[in-house]
């Protein structure tokens, strides 16, 4: 499965107060479960500006990690996805890196991720 890196435009309108997920492509493979180890390709942008802050596509390789070690938005937004799918996650600060002043450079920001699920175990 080879896809192009998705482009995410800045989002207008009121900020969401909780996690928002939208399946852009519904996969037909195995379903990711809570606590799974997942292999993904992803891009993350600031919701307001559309500025990219991280991307596995830009590094040229997918990444694998346990959901339990990730931000809340990924822990709760990836389960239920099927391999082969692409999901857009909009994560308000409490679902991402916490409120402004939280010590992370992205604290206080609402983040948007496009995630392609390549594998799960």
C-alpha atoms as a PDB file:
ATOM      1  CA  UNK A   1       0.000   0.000   0.000  1.00  0.00           C
ATOM      2  CA  UNK A   2       1.738   3.143  -1.214  1.00  0.00           C
ATOM      3  CA  UNK A   3      -0.048   6.432  -0.854  1.00  0.00           C
ATOM      4  CA  UNK A   4       0.885  10.042  -1.193  1.00  0.00           C
ATOM      5  CA  UNK A   5       1.504  12.172   1.875  1.00  0.00           C
ATOM      6  CA  UNK A   6      -1.806  13.873   2.731  1.00  0.00           C
ATOM      7  CA  UNK A   7      -2.159  17.651   2.727  1.00  0.00           C
ATOM      8  CA  UNK A   8      -4.074  19.091   5.680  1.00  0.00           C
ATOM      9  CA  UNK A   9      -5.532  22.568   5.325  1.00  0.00           C
ATOM     10  CA  UNK A  10      -6.036  24.894   8.314  1.00  0.00           C
ATOM     11  CA  UNK A  11      -9.450  24.281   9.871  1.00  0.00           C
ATOM     12  CA  UNK A  12     -11.887  27.136  10.308  1.00  0.00           C
ATOM     13  CA  UNK A  13     -14.708  27.517  12.787  1.00  0.00           C
ATOM     14  CA  UNK A  14     -14.900  26.838  16.497  1.00  0.00           C
ATOM     15  CA  UNK A  15     -12.333  24.579  18.104  1.00  0.00           C
ATOM     16  CA  UNK A  16     -13.661  21.168  19.085  1.00  0.00           C
ATOM     17  CA  UNK A  17     -13.902  20.453  22.811  1.00  0.00           C
ATOM     18  CA  UNK A  18     -13.207  16.737  22.430  1.00  0.00           C
ATOM     19  CA  UNK A  19     -11.491  14.348  20.038  1.00  0.00           C
ATOM     20  CA  UNK A  20     -12.878  14.372  16.489  1.00  0.00           C
ATOM     21  CA  UNK A  21     -12.118  11.558  14.073  1.00  0.00           C
ATOM     22  CA  UNK A  22     -13.072  11.131  10.452  1.00  0.00           C
ATOM     23  CA  UNK A  23     -12.305   8.140   8.273  1.00  0.00           C
ATOM     24  CA  UNK A  24     -11.022   9.423   4.942  1.00  0.00           C
ATOM     25  CA  UNK A  25     -10.398   5.871   3.710  1.00  0.00           C
ATOM     26  CA  UNK A  26     -11.908   2.843   5.433  1.00  0.00           C
ATOM     27  CA  UNK A  27      -9.458  -0.048   5.542  1.00  0.00           C
ATOM     28  CA  UNK A  28     -10.335  -3.692   5.050  1.00  0.00           C
ATOM     29  CA  UNK A  29      -7.595  -5.305   7.139  1.00  0.00           C
ATOM     30  CA  UNK A  30      -7.217  -6.204  10.785  1.00  0.00           C
ATOM     31  CA  UNK A  31      -8.738  -3.770  13.291  1.00  0.00           C
ATOM     32  CA  UNK A  32      -6.521  -1.944  15.777  1.00  0.00           C
ATOM     33  CA  UNK A  33      -7.501  -2.574  19.391  1.00  0.00           C
ATOM     34  CA  UNK A  34      -6.857  -0.437  22.484  1.00  0.00           C
ATOM     35  CA  UNK A  35      -3.306  -1.004  23.687  1.00  0.00           C
ATOM     36  CA  UNK A  36      -2.167  -2.507  20.366  1.00  0.00           C
ATOM     37  CA  UNK A  37       1.216  -1.934  18.753  1.00  0.00           C
ATOM     38  CA  UNK A  38       0.599  -0.110  15.483  1.00  0.00           C
ATOM     39  CA  UNK A  39       2.622   0.685  12.383  1.00  0.00           C
ATOM     40  CA  UNK A  40       1.607   3.986  10.818  1.00  0.00           C
ATOM     41  CA  UNK A  41       2.492   6.716   8.389  1.00  0.00           C
ATOM     42  CA  UNK A  42       1.308  10.095   9.634  1.00  0.00           C
ATOM     43  CA  UNK A  43       1.515  13.844   9.307  1.00  0.00           C
ATOM     44  CA  UNK A  44       0.683  16.290  12.101  1.00  0.00           C
ATOM     45  CA  UNK A  45      -0.227  19.956  11.700  1.00  0.00           C
ATOM     46  CA  UNK A  46      -1.357  22.842  13.880  1.00  0.00           C
ATOM     47  CA  UNK A  47      -5.145  23.155  13.389  1.00  0.00           C
ATOM     48  CA  UNK A  48      -5.126  26.936  13.220  1.00  0.00           C
ATOM     49  CA  UNK A  49      -2.164  27.527  10.910  1.00  0.00           C
ATOM     50  CA  UNK A  50      -1.905  24.243   8.998  1.00  0.00           C
ATOM     51  CA  UNK A  51       1.832  24.301   9.769  1.00  0.00           C
ATOM     52  CA  UNK A  52       3.362  20.820   9.795  1.00  0.00           C
ATOM     53  CA  UNK A  53       5.245  19.925  12.983  1.00  0.00           C
ATOM     54  CA  UNK A  54       5.929  16.218  12.373  1.00  0.00           C
ATOM     55  CA  UNK A  55       5.624  13.658   9.601  1.00  0.00           C
ATOM     56  CA  UNK A  56       6.801  10.100   9.086  1.00  0.00           C
ATOM     57  CA  UNK A  57       6.422  10.711   5.345  1.00  0.00           C
ATOM     58  CA  UNK A  58       8.995  13.509   5.566  1.00  0.00           C
ATOM     59  CA  UNK A  59      11.419  11.082   7.255  1.00  0.00           C
ATOM     60  CA  UNK A  60      10.794   8.554   4.487  1.00  0.00           C
ATOM     61  CA  UNK A  61       9.714   5.643   6.678  1.00  0.00           C
ATOM     62  CA  UNK A  62       6.755   4.456   8.696  1.00  0.00           C
ATOM     63  CA  UNK A  63       6.968   4.104  12.462  1.00  0.00           C
ATOM     64  CA  UNK A  64       5.775   1.447  14.898  1.00  0.00           C
ATOM     65  CA  UNK A  65       4.889   1.999  18.541  1.00  0.00           C
ATOM     66  CA  UNK A  66       2.536   0.871  21.319  1.00  0.00           C
ATOM     67  CA  UNK A  67      -0.596   3.019  21.550  1.00  0.00           C
ATOM     68  CA  UNK A  68      -0.193   3.143  25.337  1.00  0.00           C
ATOM     69  CA  UNK A  69       2.913   5.336  24.916  1.00  0.00           C
ATOM     70  CA  UNK A  70       1.176   7.972  22.761  1.00  0.00           C
ATOM     71  CA  UNK A  71      -0.971  11.047  23.331  1.00  0.00           C
ATOM     72  CA  UNK A  72      -4.559  10.455  24.454  1.00  0.00           C
ATOM     73  CA  UNK A  73      -5.945  11.412  21.033  1.00  0.00           C
ATOM     74  CA  UNK A  74      -4.032   8.560  19.395  1.00  0.00           C
ATOM     75  CA  UNK A  75      -4.766   6.104  22.225  1.00  0.00           C
ATOM     76  CA  UNK A  76      -8.492   6.674  21.776  1.00  0.00           C
ATOM     77  CA  UNK A  77      -8.606   7.686  18.101  1.00  0.00           C
ATOM     78  CA  UNK A  78      -6.778   4.780  16.446  1.00  0.00           C
ATOM     79  CA  UNK A  79      -8.594   1.765  17.970  1.00  0.00           C
ATOM     80  CA  UNK A  80     -11.348   0.691  15.609  1.00  0.00           C
ATOM     81  CA  UNK A  81      -9.319   1.684  12.547  1.00  0.00           C
ATOM     82  CA  UNK A  82      -8.643  -1.096  10.073  1.00  0.00           C
ATOM     83  CA  UNK A  83      -5.332  -1.719   8.329  1.00  0.00           C
ATOM     84  CA  UNK A  84      -5.369   0.076   4.998  1.00  0.00           C
ATOM     85  CA  UNK A  85      -7.410   2.968   6.377  1.00  0.00           C
ATOM     86  CA  UNK A  86      -6.640   6.664   6.668  1.00  0.00           C
ATOM     87  CA  UNK A  87      -8.124   8.620   9.574  1.00  0.00           C
ATOM     88  CA  UNK A  88      -8.063  12.305  10.380  1.00  0.00           C
ATOM     89  CA  UNK A  89      -7.795  13.035  14.122  1.00  0.00           C
ATOM     90  CA  UNK A  90      -8.397  16.521  15.531  1.00  0.00           C
ATOM     91  CA  UNK A  91      -6.979  16.630  19.056  1.00  0.00           C
ATOM     92  CA  UNK A  92      -7.736  19.594  21.358  1.00  0.00           C
ATOM     93  CA  UNK A  93      -4.954  20.339  23.902  1.00  0.00           C
ATOM     94  CA  UNK A  94      -6.293  17.931  26.556  1.00  0.00           C
ATOM     95  CA  UNK A  95      -6.172  15.153  23.933  1.00  0.00           C
ATOM     96  CA  UNK A  96      -2.696  16.174  22.752  1.00  0.00           C
ATOM     97  CA  UNK A  97       0.058  17.816  24.833  1.00  0.00           C
ATOM     98  CA  UNK A  98      -2.013  19.551  27.512  1.00  0.00           C
ATOM     99  CA  UNK A  99      -2.746  23.193  28.273  1.00  0.00           C
ATOM    100  CA  UNK A 100      -0.515  26.122  27.372  1.00  0.00           C
ATOM    101  CA  UNK A 101       2.533  26.251  29.610  1.00  0.00           C
ATOM    102  CA  UNK A 102       2.603  22.465  29.932  1.00  0.00           C
ATOM    103  CA  UNK A 103       6.266  22.222  29.009  1.00  0.00           C
ATOM    104  CA  UNK A 104       5.907  20.788  25.495  1.00  0.00           C
ATOM    105  CA  UNK A 105       6.350  23.079  22.480  1.00  0.00           C
ATOM    106  CA  UNK A 106       2.856  22.065  21.305  1.00  0.00           C
ATOM    107  CA  UNK A 107       1.120  22.511  24.678  1.00  0.00           C
ATOM    108  CA  UNK A 108      -2.062  24.543  24.342  1.00  0.00           C
ATOM    109  CA  UNK A 109      -2.437  23.798  20.622  1.00  0.00           C
ATOM    110  CA  UNK A 110      -5.176  21.860  18.840  1.00  0.00           C
ATOM    111  CA  UNK A 111      -3.458  19.396  16.526  1.00  0.00           C
ATOM    112  CA  UNK A 112      -4.654  17.567  13.425  1.00  0.00           C
ATOM    113  CA  UNK A 113      -3.156  14.248  12.325  1.00  0.00           C
ATOM    114  CA  UNK A 114      -3.705  12.254   9.140  1.00  0.00           C
ATOM    115  CA  UNK A 115      -2.835   8.648   9.974  1.00  0.00           C
ATOM    116  CA  UNK A 116      -2.516   5.673   7.635  1.00  0.00           C
ATOM    117  CA  UNK A 117      -2.710   2.381   9.543  1.00  0.00           C
ATOM    118  CA  UNK A 118      -0.209  -0.038   7.961  1.00  0.00           C
ATOM    119  CA  UNK A 119      -0.250  -2.797  10.576  1.00  0.00           C
ATOM    120  CA  UNK A 120      -1.391  -3.773  14.062  1.00  0.00           C
ATOM    121  CA  UNK A 121      -0.531  -6.475  16.548  1.00  0.00           C
END
